[in-house]
Amino acid sequence: MSTAKSFKLTKVDVLLGEKNKVDIRELIAEYHWYESIDSAFVRCDITLLDTINFDEELLGSEIIHLTFESELAKDSRIKTELQIYKIGNVIKRERSKLYTLHCASPEIYENEANRAFGQFGPVSGKTDIVKSMIKSHLNSSKKIHAEAHTNLNVLSPNWRPVDLIAYISDKVSRTKGGSRQSGKGKKQSGFLFWESRNGWNFKSMDMLCEQ
């Protein structure tokens, strides 16, 4: 299911170096914020109409502090920190450039840099694999919204954190059923892992359907 809404940018600061922040709101032509149950990380594509050669200041992996809010509901402000992972769709003109900054959560780099190696589960004393991967391997302090599920013993052969979570997602089952007849058995499996503006989510497909 896809839902598109209109939001207004109130802050877009690119961190160049340790202390130099550059406000690029005047350069932005459009932006698209993506949240999906098919993607483990939040993504955002920011299209710039650059007339000041700002791209020459970018070395890669810069942090962007982003704040936006709904034009209809002022209390729906979203503040987040993203990281540039690619510059694409470059169109050069006589006095300007049009290009897209492809951004994602900084944890996307942690997922590539860190590996989960060894045994996880009740036998090793690491019962909550999802929270362990998020906190110790993705180095994230964001909120975790995880549905109660069974434990599983897993031997990870140097997988990425998200790959390990994906491996157990269709093997663990719910420990609490819903109000519907299909939820009374409490044995359904099939979980999804994704990031939203509210943090990390690990929930069963049955629970999402029951909502």
N, C-alpha and C. Protein backbone atom coordinates (compact mmCIF):
# COMPACT_ATOMS: atom_id res chain seq x y z
N MET A 1 0.85 -1.19 0.00
CA MET A 1 0.00 0.00 0.00
C MET A 1 0.88 1.24 0.00
N SER A 2 0.58 2.20 -0.83
CA SER A 2 1.36 3.42 -0.92
C SER A 2 0.48 4.62 -0.62
N THR A 3 0.98 5.50 0.24
CA THR A 3 0.24 6.71 0.59
C THR A 3 1.16 7.91 0.44
N ALA A 4 0.81 8.85 -0.40
CA ALA A 4 1.63 10.04 -0.63
C ALA A 4 0.96 11.24 0.03
N LYS A 5 1.74 12.04 0.73
CA LYS A 5 1.24 13.24 1.38
C LYS A 5 2.16 14.41 1.10
N SER A 6 1.64 15.61 1.28
CA SER A 6 2.42 16.81 1.03
C SER A 6 3.02 17.32 2.33
N PHE A 7 4.34 17.56 2.32
CA PHE A 7 5.04 18.08 3.48
C PHE A 7 5.90 19.28 3.07
N LYS A 8 6.18 20.13 4.03
CA LYS A 8 6.99 21.32 3.81
C LYS A 8 8.30 21.19 4.56
N LEU A 9 9.40 21.45 3.86
CA LEU A 9 10.72 21.39 4.48
C LEU A 9 10.95 22.64 5.33
N THR A 10 11.37 22.45 6.56
CA THR A 10 11.70 23.58 7.43
C THR A 10 13.19 23.64 7.77
N LYS A 11 13.90 22.53 7.51
CA LYS A 11 15.34 22.52 7.78
C LYS A 11 16.00 21.43 6.95
N VAL A 12 17.05 21.81 6.21
CA VAL A 12 17.87 20.85 5.48
C VAL A 12 19.31 21.33 5.57
N ASP A 13 20.04 20.83 6.52
CA ASP A 13 21.43 21.22 6.73
C ASP A 13 22.35 20.06 6.39
N VAL A 14 23.32 20.33 5.52
CA VAL A 14 24.33 19.34 5.17
C VAL A 14 25.57 19.63 5.99
N LEU A 15 26.07 18.61 6.67
CA LEU A 15 27.24 18.76 7.52
C LEU A 15 28.50 18.48 6.69
N LEU A 16 29.26 19.53 6.43
CA LEU A 16 30.53 19.43 5.71
C LEU A 16 31.66 19.52 6.72
N GLY A 17 32.36 18.42 6.92
CA GLY A 17 33.36 18.42 7.98
C GLY A 17 32.68 18.19 9.33
N GLU A 18 33.30 18.67 10.39
CA GLU A 18 32.77 18.44 11.73
C GLU A 18 31.81 19.52 12.19
N LYS A 19 32.01 20.76 11.75
CA LYS A 19 31.21 21.86 12.27
C LYS A 19 30.52 22.71 11.20
N ASN A 20 30.91 22.59 9.95
CA ASN A 20 30.39 23.45 8.90
C ASN A 20 29.05 22.92 8.39
N LYS A 21 27.96 23.62 8.72
CA LYS A 21 26.63 23.25 8.26
C LYS A 21 26.19 24.19 7.15
N VAL A 22 25.65 23.63 6.07
CA VAL A 22 25.20 24.41 4.93
C VAL A 22 23.71 24.16 4.71
N ASP A 23 22.93 25.22 4.72
CA ASP A 23 21.49 25.14 4.48
C ASP A 23 21.26 25.10 2.97
N ILE A 24 20.66 24.02 2.47
CA ILE A 24 20.48 23.87 1.02
C ILE A 24 19.01 23.95 0.60
N ARG A 25 18.17 24.49 1.45
CA ARG A 25 16.75 24.54 1.11
C ARG A 25 16.48 25.33 -0.17
N GLU A 26 17.24 26.38 -0.41
CA GLU A 26 17.03 27.20 -1.60
C GLU A 26 17.41 26.47 -2.89
N LEU A 27 18.18 25.40 -2.77
CA LEU A 27 18.61 24.66 -3.95
C LEU A 27 17.68 23.50 -4.29
N ILE A 28 16.79 23.15 -3.38
CA ILE A 28 15.97 21.96 -3.56
C ILE A 28 14.82 22.21 -4.52
N ALA A 29 14.75 21.37 -5.56
CA ALA A 29 13.64 21.44 -6.51
C ALA A 29 12.48 20.55 -6.06
N GLU A 30 12.80 19.36 -5.55
CA GLU A 30 11.80 18.46 -5.02
C GLU A 30 12.48 17.39 -4.17
N TYR A 31 11.69 16.70 -3.36
CA TYR A 31 12.24 15.60 -2.57
C TYR A 31 11.17 14.54 -2.36
N HIS A 32 11.62 13.31 -2.15
CA HIS A 32 10.70 12.19 -1.95
C HIS A 32 11.20 11.37 -0.77
N TRP A 33 10.32 11.19 0.21
CA TRP A 33 10.62 10.43 1.42
C TRP A 33 9.96 9.05 1.28
N TYR A 34 10.74 7.99 1.51
CA TYR A 34 10.24 6.63 1.31
C TYR A 34 10.26 5.84 2.62
N GLU A 35 9.11 5.29 2.95
CA GLU A 35 8.99 4.31 4.02
C GLU A 35 8.23 3.12 3.46
N SER A 36 8.79 1.92 3.61
CA SER A 36 8.14 0.76 3.02
C SER A 36 8.44 -0.48 3.86
N ILE A 37 7.46 -1.38 3.95
CA ILE A 37 7.68 -2.63 4.65
C ILE A 37 8.63 -3.53 3.86
N ASP A 38 8.94 -3.17 2.62
CA ASP A 38 9.88 -3.93 1.80
C ASP A 38 11.31 -3.45 1.97
N SER A 39 11.51 -2.36 2.71
CA SER A 39 12.86 -1.80 2.85
C SER A 39 13.22 -1.69 4.33
N ALA A 40 14.40 -2.17 4.67
CA ALA A 40 14.83 -2.13 6.07
C ALA A 40 15.17 -0.72 6.53
N PHE A 41 15.44 0.19 5.60
CA PHE A 41 15.88 1.53 5.96
C PHE A 41 15.03 2.60 5.29
N VAL A 42 14.86 3.72 5.99
CA VAL A 42 14.20 4.89 5.43
C VAL A 42 15.11 5.49 4.37
N ARG A 43 14.52 5.95 3.29
CA ARG A 43 15.29 6.58 2.21
C ARG A 43 14.66 7.91 1.83
N CYS A 44 15.48 8.78 1.25
CA CYS A 44 14.99 10.08 0.80
C CYS A 44 15.81 10.53 -0.40
N ASP A 45 15.13 10.90 -1.48
CA ASP A 45 15.79 11.43 -2.67
C ASP A 45 15.54 12.93 -2.74
N ILE A 46 16.63 13.70 -2.75
CA ILE A 46 16.54 15.16 -2.78
C ILE A 46 17.13 15.66 -4.09
N THR A 47 16.30 16.28 -4.91
CA THR A 47 16.74 16.81 -6.20
C THR A 47 17.14 18.28 -6.05
N LEU A 48 18.36 18.60 -6.47
CA LEU A 48 18.88 19.96 -6.34
C LEU A 48 19.06 20.61 -7.70
N LEU A 49 18.71 21.88 -7.79
CA LEU A 49 19.05 22.72 -8.94
C LEU A 49 20.20 23.61 -8.48
N ASP A 50 21.40 23.18 -8.79
CA ASP A 50 22.62 23.76 -8.22
C ASP A 50 23.19 24.82 -9.15
N THR A 51 23.22 26.06 -8.68
CA THR A 51 23.81 27.16 -9.45
C THR A 51 25.06 27.72 -8.78
N ILE A 52 25.49 27.09 -7.67
CA ILE A 52 26.65 27.61 -6.91
C ILE A 52 27.75 26.54 -6.81
N ASN A 53 27.65 25.49 -7.63
CA ASN A 53 28.64 24.40 -7.62
C ASN A 53 28.78 23.76 -6.24
N PHE A 54 27.64 23.54 -5.61
CA PHE A 54 27.67 22.93 -4.28
C PHE A 54 28.19 21.50 -4.34
N ASP A 55 27.97 20.82 -5.47
CA ASP A 55 28.41 19.44 -5.59
C ASP A 55 29.92 19.28 -5.45
N GLU A 56 30.67 20.34 -5.71
CA GLU A 56 32.12 20.28 -5.58
C GLU A 56 32.56 20.19 -4.13
N GLU A 57 31.66 20.51 -3.18
CA GLU A 57 31.97 20.43 -1.76
C GLU A 57 31.69 19.02 -1.20
N LEU A 58 31.00 18.21 -1.97
CA LEU A 58 30.61 16.89 -1.48
C LEU A 58 31.68 15.85 -1.77
N LEU A 59 32.06 15.14 -0.73
CA LEU A 59 33.06 14.08 -0.86
C LEU A 59 32.42 12.70 -0.75
N GLY A 60 31.18 12.64 -0.29
CA GLY A 60 30.48 11.38 -0.09
C GLY A 60 30.27 11.08 1.38
N SER A 61 29.14 10.48 1.70
CA SER A 61 28.79 10.07 3.07
C SER A 61 28.49 11.23 4.00
N GLU A 62 28.19 12.41 3.47
CA GLU A 62 27.85 13.54 4.33
C GLU A 62 26.54 13.31 5.06
N ILE A 63 26.46 13.85 6.27
CA ILE A 63 25.25 13.78 7.08
C ILE A 63 24.33 14.95 6.76
N ILE A 64 23.02 14.66 6.68
CA ILE A 64 22.02 15.69 6.43
C ILE A 64 21.03 15.71 7.59
N HIS A 65 20.83 16.87 8.20
CA HIS A 65 19.82 17.04 9.23
C HIS A 65 18.57 17.60 8.56
N LEU A 66 17.50 16.80 8.63
CA LEU A 66 16.30 17.11 7.88
C LEU A 66 15.10 17.25 8.81
N THR A 67 14.32 18.32 8.62
CA THR A 67 13.09 18.53 9.37
C THR A 67 11.99 18.94 8.40
N PHE A 68 10.84 18.25 8.46
CA PHE A 68 9.71 18.65 7.63
C PHE A 68 8.42 18.37 8.38
N GLU A 69 7.36 19.03 7.95
CA GLU A 69 6.07 18.89 8.61
C GLU A 69 4.95 18.99 7.59
N SER A 70 3.81 18.44 7.96
CA SER A 70 2.65 18.49 7.08
C SER A 70 2.12 19.91 7.00
N GLU A 71 1.72 20.31 5.82
CA GLU A 71 1.14 21.64 5.66
C GLU A 71 -0.26 21.74 6.25
N LEU A 72 -0.87 20.59 6.52
CA LEU A 72 -2.22 20.58 7.09
C LEU A 72 -2.19 20.39 8.61
N ALA A 73 -1.26 19.57 9.09
CA ALA A 73 -1.16 19.30 10.53
C ALA A 73 0.20 19.75 11.03
N LYS A 74 0.26 20.86 11.73
CA LYS A 74 1.51 21.43 12.18
C LYS A 74 2.17 20.61 13.29
N ASP A 75 1.41 19.71 13.91
CA ASP A 75 1.99 18.92 14.99
C ASP A 75 2.64 17.62 14.48
N SER A 76 2.69 17.45 13.16
CA SER A 76 3.25 16.23 12.58
C SER A 76 4.69 16.46 12.13
N ARG A 77 5.47 17.18 12.92
CA ARG A 77 6.85 17.49 12.55
C ARG A 77 7.72 16.25 12.64
N ILE A 78 8.58 16.06 11.66
CA ILE A 78 9.49 14.93 11.60
C ILE A 78 10.92 15.46 11.54
N LYS A 79 11.74 15.02 12.48
CA LYS A 79 13.15 15.39 12.51
C LYS A 79 13.96 14.11 12.37
N THR A 80 14.93 14.12 11.48
CA THR A 80 15.71 12.92 11.25
C THR A 80 17.11 13.27 10.77
N GLU A 81 17.97 12.28 10.80
CA GLU A 81 19.34 12.41 10.33
C GLU A 81 19.57 11.37 9.24
N LEU A 82 19.99 11.81 8.08
CA LEU A 82 20.23 10.93 6.96
C LEU A 82 21.68 11.04 6.51
N GLN A 83 22.07 10.13 5.63
CA GLN A 83 23.44 10.14 5.12
C GLN A 83 23.40 9.90 3.61
N ILE A 84 24.19 10.70 2.89
CA ILE A 84 24.25 10.56 1.43
C ILE A 84 25.02 9.30 1.06
N TYR A 85 24.44 8.48 0.20
CA TYR A 85 25.16 7.30 -0.26
C TYR A 85 25.39 7.30 -1.78
N LYS A 86 24.74 8.22 -2.51
CA LYS A 86 24.95 8.27 -3.95
C LYS A 86 24.45 9.60 -4.51
N ILE A 87 25.13 10.07 -5.55
CA ILE A 87 24.67 11.24 -6.30
C ILE A 87 24.36 10.76 -7.71
N GLY A 88 23.12 10.94 -8.13
CA GLY A 88 22.72 10.41 -9.43
C GLY A 88 21.88 11.36 -10.24
N ASN A 89 21.50 10.92 -11.43
CA ASN A 89 20.64 11.69 -12.35
C ASN A 89 21.21 13.08 -12.63
N VAL A 90 22.50 13.12 -12.92
CA VAL A 90 23.17 14.41 -13.13
C VAL A 90 22.87 14.93 -14.53
N ILE A 91 22.35 16.16 -14.59
CA ILE A 91 22.11 16.85 -15.86
C ILE A 91 22.84 18.20 -15.80
N LYS A 92 23.80 18.38 -16.68
CA LYS A 92 24.59 19.61 -16.70
C LYS A 92 24.00 20.60 -17.69
N ARG A 93 23.91 21.84 -17.23
CA ARG A 93 23.46 22.93 -18.08
C ARG A 93 24.55 23.99 -18.15
N GLU A 94 24.27 25.06 -18.85
CA GLU A 94 25.30 26.07 -19.06
C GLU A 94 25.76 26.70 -17.75
N ARG A 95 24.82 27.05 -16.87
CA ARG A 95 25.18 27.71 -15.62
C ARG A 95 24.65 26.99 -14.38
N SER A 96 24.19 25.79 -14.55
CA SER A 96 23.63 25.07 -13.40
C SER A 96 23.73 23.56 -13.63
N LYS A 97 23.46 22.84 -12.58
CA LYS A 97 23.41 21.38 -12.63
C LYS A 97 22.15 20.92 -11.92
N LEU A 98 21.58 19.86 -12.43
CA LEU A 98 20.43 19.23 -11.80
C LEU A 98 20.84 17.81 -11.44
N TYR A 99 20.77 17.48 -10.16
CA TYR A 99 21.16 16.13 -9.73
C TYR A 99 20.38 15.76 -8.48
N THR A 100 20.45 14.48 -8.14
CA THR A 100 19.71 13.94 -7.01
C THR A 100 20.65 13.39 -5.96
N LEU A 101 20.42 13.80 -4.71
CA LEU A 101 21.14 13.24 -3.57
C LEU A 101 20.31 12.07 -3.03
N HIS A 102 20.84 10.87 -3.17
CA HIS A 102 20.16 9.69 -2.65
C HIS A 102 20.64 9.48 -1.21
N CYS A 103 19.71 9.57 -0.27
CA CYS A 103 20.05 9.52 1.15
C CYS A 103 19.32 8.36 1.82
N ALA A 104 19.88 7.92 2.93
CA ALA A 104 19.26 6.85 3.72
C ALA A 104 19.70 7.02 5.16
N SER A 105 19.13 6.21 6.03
CA SER A 105 19.53 6.23 7.44
C SER A 105 21.01 5.88 7.56
N PRO A 106 21.74 6.52 8.49
CA PRO A 106 23.15 6.20 8.68
C PRO A 106 23.39 4.73 9.00
N GLU A 107 22.38 4.06 9.53
CA GLU A 107 22.54 2.64 9.86
C GLU A 107 22.77 1.77 8.63
N ILE A 108 22.50 2.30 7.44
CA ILE A 108 22.73 1.52 6.23
C ILE A 108 24.22 1.26 6.04
N TYR A 109 25.05 2.20 6.51
CA TYR A 109 26.51 2.01 6.46
C TYR A 109 26.96 1.03 7.53
N GLU A 110 26.33 1.11 8.71
CA GLU A 110 26.67 0.18 9.78
C GLU A 110 26.32 -1.25 9.36
N ASN A 111 25.26 -1.40 8.59
CA ASN A 111 24.85 -2.72 8.14
C ASN A 111 25.89 -3.33 7.20
N GLU A 112 26.57 -2.50 6.43
CA GLU A 112 27.59 -2.99 5.51
C GLU A 112 28.93 -3.21 6.22
N ALA A 113 29.20 -2.40 7.23
CA ALA A 113 30.51 -2.46 7.89
C ALA A 113 30.59 -3.55 8.94
N ASN A 114 29.47 -3.86 9.62
CA ASN A 114 29.47 -4.82 10.72
C ASN A 114 28.87 -6.15 10.28
N ARG A 115 29.38 -7.22 10.86
CA ARG A 115 28.91 -8.56 10.53
C ARG A 115 28.51 -9.29 11.81
N ALA A 116 27.46 -10.08 11.69
CA ALA A 116 27.02 -10.91 12.81
C ALA A 116 27.63 -12.30 12.63
N PHE A 117 28.55 -12.65 13.52
CA PHE A 117 29.24 -13.94 13.40
C PHE A 117 29.10 -14.71 14.71
N GLY A 118 28.71 -15.97 14.60
CA GLY A 118 28.59 -16.80 15.79
C GLY A 118 27.17 -17.27 16.04
N GLN A 119 26.93 -17.68 17.28
CA GLN A 119 25.64 -18.26 17.64
C GLN A 119 24.78 -17.23 18.36
N PHE A 120 23.51 -17.21 17.99
CA PHE A 120 22.54 -16.31 18.60
C PHE A 120 21.30 -17.12 18.98
N GLY A 121 20.67 -16.72 20.08
CA GLY A 121 19.49 -17.41 20.55
C GLY A 121 19.60 -17.80 22.00
N PRO A 122 18.63 -18.55 22.53
CA PRO A 122 18.62 -18.93 23.95
C PRO A 122 19.87 -19.68 24.39
N VAL A 123 20.43 -20.53 23.52
CA VAL A 123 21.60 -21.31 23.90
C VAL A 123 22.79 -20.42 24.22
N SER A 124 22.94 -19.34 23.47
CA SER A 124 24.06 -18.43 23.68
C SER A 124 23.74 -17.30 24.65
N GLY A 125 22.49 -17.28 25.14
CA GLY A 125 22.08 -16.21 26.05
C GLY A 125 21.63 -14.95 25.35
N LYS A 126 21.60 -14.94 24.02
CA LYS A 126 21.15 -13.78 23.25
C LYS A 126 19.76 -14.08 22.70
N THR A 127 18.77 -13.91 23.57
CA THR A 127 17.42 -14.35 23.23
C THR A 127 16.73 -13.43 22.23
N ASP A 128 16.92 -12.14 22.36
CA ASP A 128 16.24 -11.20 21.46
C ASP A 128 17.20 -10.79 20.35
N ILE A 129 17.16 -11.52 19.25
CA ILE A 129 18.10 -11.31 18.16
C ILE A 129 17.88 -9.96 17.49
N VAL A 130 16.61 -9.58 17.30
CA VAL A 130 16.30 -8.33 16.59
C VAL A 130 16.87 -7.13 17.35
N LYS A 131 16.58 -7.03 18.64
CA LYS A 131 17.09 -5.91 19.43
C LYS A 131 18.61 -5.93 19.51
N SER A 132 19.19 -7.12 19.58
CA SER A 132 20.64 -7.24 19.63
C SER A 132 21.27 -6.71 18.36
N MET A 133 20.71 -7.06 17.20
CA MET A 133 21.24 -6.59 15.92
C MET A 133 21.13 -5.08 15.80
N ILE A 134 19.99 -4.53 16.24
CA ILE A 134 19.77 -3.09 16.10
C ILE A 134 20.72 -2.30 17.00
N LYS A 135 20.84 -2.72 18.24
CA LYS A 135 21.63 -1.95 19.21
C LYS A 135 23.13 -2.17 19.08
N SER A 136 23.56 -3.42 18.96
CA SER A 136 24.99 -3.71 19.00
C SER A 136 25.65 -3.76 17.63
N HIS A 137 24.87 -4.05 16.56
CA HIS A 137 25.47 -4.18 15.24
C HIS A 137 25.13 -3.01 14.32
N LEU A 138 23.91 -2.47 14.44
CA LEU A 138 23.57 -1.26 13.67
C LEU A 138 23.89 0.00 14.45
N ASN A 139 24.26 -0.17 15.73
CA ASN A 139 24.62 0.97 16.59
C ASN A 139 23.55 2.05 16.57
N SER A 140 22.31 1.63 16.73
CA SER A 140 21.17 2.55 16.66
C SER A 140 20.51 2.68 18.03
N SER A 141 20.12 3.91 18.35
CA SER A 141 19.41 4.19 19.60
C SER A 141 17.94 4.54 19.35
N LYS A 142 17.47 4.33 18.13
CA LYS A 142 16.08 4.64 17.79
C LYS A 142 15.14 3.65 18.48
N LYS A 143 13.89 4.04 18.61
CA LYS A 143 12.90 3.20 19.27
C LYS A 143 12.68 1.91 18.48
N ILE A 144 12.40 0.85 19.21
CA ILE A 144 12.15 -0.46 18.60
C ILE A 144 10.73 -0.90 18.93
N HIS A 145 9.94 -1.14 17.90
CA HIS A 145 8.56 -1.60 18.06
C HIS A 145 8.51 -3.04 17.54
N ALA A 146 8.70 -4.00 18.47
CA ALA A 146 8.76 -5.40 18.08
C ALA A 146 7.60 -6.17 18.70
N GLU A 147 6.93 -6.93 17.88
CA GLU A 147 5.85 -7.80 18.37
C GLU A 147 6.46 -9.01 19.07
N ALA A 148 5.82 -9.46 20.14
CA ALA A 148 6.31 -10.62 20.88
C ALA A 148 6.34 -11.86 19.98
N HIS A 149 7.48 -12.56 19.99
CA HIS A 149 7.64 -13.72 19.12
C HIS A 149 8.48 -14.79 19.82
N THR A 150 8.48 -15.97 19.26
CA THR A 150 9.24 -17.08 19.83
C THR A 150 10.74 -16.87 19.64
N ASN A 151 11.53 -17.60 20.43
CA ASN A 151 12.98 -17.54 20.31
C ASN A 151 13.48 -18.59 19.33
N LEU A 152 14.68 -18.35 18.81
CA LEU A 152 15.24 -19.25 17.81
C LEU A 152 16.75 -19.27 17.94
N ASN A 153 17.33 -20.45 17.87
CA ASN A 153 18.78 -20.59 17.87
C ASN A 153 19.30 -20.53 16.44
N VAL A 154 20.24 -19.64 16.20
CA VAL A 154 20.77 -19.41 14.85
C VAL A 154 22.29 -19.35 14.90
N LEU A 155 22.94 -19.96 13.91
CA LEU A 155 24.38 -19.86 13.74
C LEU A 155 24.63 -18.98 12.52
N SER A 156 25.15 -17.79 12.75
CA SER A 156 25.34 -16.82 11.68
C SER A 156 26.73 -16.94 11.07
N PRO A 157 26.83 -17.26 9.77
CA PRO A 157 28.14 -17.37 9.11
C PRO A 157 28.61 -16.03 8.54
N ASN A 158 28.77 -15.05 9.41
CA ASN A 158 29.27 -13.74 8.99
C ASN A 158 28.26 -12.98 8.12
N TRP A 159 26.98 -13.03 8.50
CA TRP A 159 25.95 -12.30 7.78
C TRP A 159 25.92 -10.84 8.20
N ARG A 160 25.31 -10.02 7.33
CA ARG A 160 24.99 -8.65 7.72
C ARG A 160 23.84 -8.69 8.73
N PRO A 161 23.74 -7.69 9.62
CA PRO A 161 22.67 -7.69 10.63
C PRO A 161 21.27 -7.82 10.04
N VAL A 162 21.00 -7.08 8.97
CA VAL A 162 19.66 -7.12 8.37
C VAL A 162 19.40 -8.48 7.74
N ASP A 163 20.44 -9.13 7.20
CA ASP A 163 20.27 -10.45 6.61
C ASP A 163 19.91 -11.49 7.67
N LEU A 164 20.50 -11.35 8.86
CA LEU A 164 20.18 -12.27 9.95
C LEU A 164 18.74 -12.09 10.41
N ILE A 165 18.30 -10.84 10.51
CA ILE A 165 16.90 -10.57 10.88
C ILE A 165 15.96 -11.13 9.82
N ALA A 166 16.32 -10.97 8.54
CA ALA A 166 15.49 -11.50 7.46
C ALA A 166 15.41 -13.02 7.51
N TYR A 167 16.50 -13.66 7.94
CA TYR A 167 16.52 -15.13 8.01
C TYR A 167 15.53 -15.65 9.05
N ILE A 168 15.46 -14.97 10.19
CA ILE A 168 14.57 -15.46 11.25
C ILE A 168 13.14 -14.98 11.07
N SER A 169 12.91 -14.04 10.18
CA SER A 169 11.59 -13.41 10.07
C SER A 169 10.48 -14.38 9.66
N ASP A 170 10.82 -15.42 8.89
CA ASP A 170 9.78 -16.38 8.50
C ASP A 170 9.88 -17.68 9.28
N LYS A 171 10.71 -17.69 10.34
CA LYS A 171 10.87 -18.89 11.15
C LYS A 171 10.32 -18.73 12.57
N VAL A 172 10.29 -17.51 13.08
CA VAL A 172 9.70 -17.29 14.40
C VAL A 172 8.20 -17.12 14.24
N SER A 173 7.46 -17.33 15.32
CA SER A 173 6.00 -17.20 15.27
C SER A 173 5.53 -16.31 16.41
N ARG A 174 4.30 -15.87 16.31
CA ARG A 174 3.72 -14.98 17.31
C ARG A 174 3.49 -15.73 18.62
N THR A 175 3.62 -15.03 19.72
CA THR A 175 3.30 -15.61 21.02
C THR A 175 1.97 -15.11 21.53
N LYS A 176 1.38 -14.13 20.84
CA LYS A 176 0.07 -13.62 21.20
C LYS A 176 -0.78 -13.53 19.95
N GLY A 177 -1.99 -14.06 20.01
CA GLY A 177 -2.89 -14.02 18.88
C GLY A 177 -3.78 -12.80 18.93
N GLY A 178 -4.46 -12.55 17.84
CA GLY A 178 -5.36 -11.41 17.78
C GLY A 178 -6.76 -11.78 18.18
N SER A 179 -7.68 -10.85 18.01
CA SER A 179 -9.08 -11.06 18.40
C SER A 179 -9.83 -11.87 17.36
N ARG A 180 -9.28 -11.94 16.14
CA ARG A 180 -9.97 -12.68 15.10
C ARG A 180 -9.73 -14.18 15.26
N GLN A 181 -10.52 -14.94 14.56
CA GLN A 181 -10.43 -16.39 14.66
C GLN A 181 -9.06 -16.89 14.22
N SER A 182 -8.47 -16.23 13.20
CA SER A 182 -7.18 -16.66 12.68
C SER A 182 -6.06 -16.41 13.68
N GLY A 183 -6.28 -15.55 14.67
CA GLY A 183 -5.24 -15.23 15.62
C GLY A 183 -5.29 -16.03 16.89
N LYS A 184 -6.30 -16.90 17.08
CA LYS A 184 -6.45 -17.60 18.34
C LYS A 184 -5.46 -18.74 18.50
N GLY A 185 -4.93 -19.25 17.38
CA GLY A 185 -3.97 -20.33 17.46
C GLY A 185 -2.61 -19.88 17.95
N LYS A 186 -2.28 -18.62 17.76
CA LYS A 186 -1.03 -18.02 18.21
C LYS A 186 0.20 -18.70 17.60
N LYS A 187 0.04 -19.30 16.41
CA LYS A 187 1.15 -20.02 15.81
C LYS A 187 1.58 -19.43 14.47
N GLN A 188 1.02 -18.30 14.09
CA GLN A 188 1.34 -17.76 12.77
C GLN A 188 2.80 -17.31 12.72
N SER A 189 3.43 -17.56 11.60
CA SER A 189 4.78 -17.06 11.35
C SER A 189 4.71 -16.04 10.22
N GLY A 190 5.85 -15.50 9.86
CA GLY A 190 5.88 -14.50 8.80
C GLY A 190 5.94 -13.10 9.35
N PHE A 191 7.17 -12.61 9.61
CA PHE A 191 7.37 -11.27 10.16
C PHE A 191 8.02 -10.37 9.12
N LEU A 192 7.86 -9.07 9.32
CA LEU A 192 8.47 -8.06 8.46
C LEU A 192 9.31 -7.12 9.31
N PHE A 193 10.44 -6.70 8.75
CA PHE A 193 11.33 -5.76 9.44
C PHE A 193 11.53 -4.54 8.57
N TRP A 194 11.21 -3.36 9.13
CA TRP A 194 11.39 -2.14 8.37
C TRP A 194 11.56 -0.96 9.32
N GLU A 195 12.05 0.14 8.76
CA GLU A 195 12.23 1.38 9.53
C GLU A 195 11.21 2.40 9.08
N SER A 196 10.65 3.13 10.04
CA SER A 196 9.75 4.24 9.75
C SER A 196 10.23 5.47 10.51
N ARG A 197 9.50 6.55 10.37
CA ARG A 197 9.87 7.78 11.08
C ARG A 197 9.81 7.60 12.60
N ASN A 198 9.09 6.57 13.06
CA ASN A 198 8.94 6.32 14.49
C ASN A 198 9.97 5.33 15.04
N GLY A 199 10.82 4.79 14.18
CA GLY A 199 11.84 3.85 14.64
C GLY A 199 11.78 2.54 13.88
N TRP A 200 12.30 1.48 14.52
CA TRP A 200 12.38 0.16 13.89
C TRP A 200 11.13 -0.67 14.21
N ASN A 201 10.71 -1.47 13.24
CA ASN A 201 9.51 -2.28 13.40
C ASN A 201 9.81 -3.73 13.03
N PHE A 202 9.36 -4.64 13.88
CA PHE A 202 9.43 -6.08 13.60
C PHE A 202 8.08 -6.66 13.99
N LYS A 203 7.21 -6.80 12.99
CA LYS A 203 5.83 -7.20 13.27
C LYS A 203 5.38 -8.25 12.26
N SER A 204 4.45 -9.07 12.70
CA SER A 204 3.94 -10.13 11.82
C SER A 204 2.96 -9.57 10.81
N MET A 205 2.87 -10.25 9.67
CA MET A 205 1.93 -9.84 8.64
C MET A 205 0.49 -10.00 9.13
N ASP A 206 0.26 -10.99 10.01
CA ASP A 206 -1.09 -11.18 10.55
C ASP A 206 -1.50 -10.00 11.43
N MET A 207 -0.56 -9.49 12.21
CA MET A 207 -0.87 -8.35 13.07
C MET A 207 -1.20 -7.12 12.23
N LEU A 208 -0.46 -6.92 11.16
CA LEU A 208 -0.73 -5.77 10.28
C LEU A 208 -2.10 -5.90 9.64
N CYS A 209 -2.47 -7.13 9.28
CA CYS A 209 -3.79 -7.34 8.68
C CYS A 209 -4.90 -7.13 9.71
N GLU A 210 -4.64 -7.52 10.96
CA GLU A 210 -5.64 -7.36 12.00
C GLU A 210 -5.89 -5.89 12.33
N GLN A 211 -4.89 -5.04 12.10
CA GLN A 211 -5.06 -3.62 12.36
C GLN A 211 -5.97 -2.97 11.31
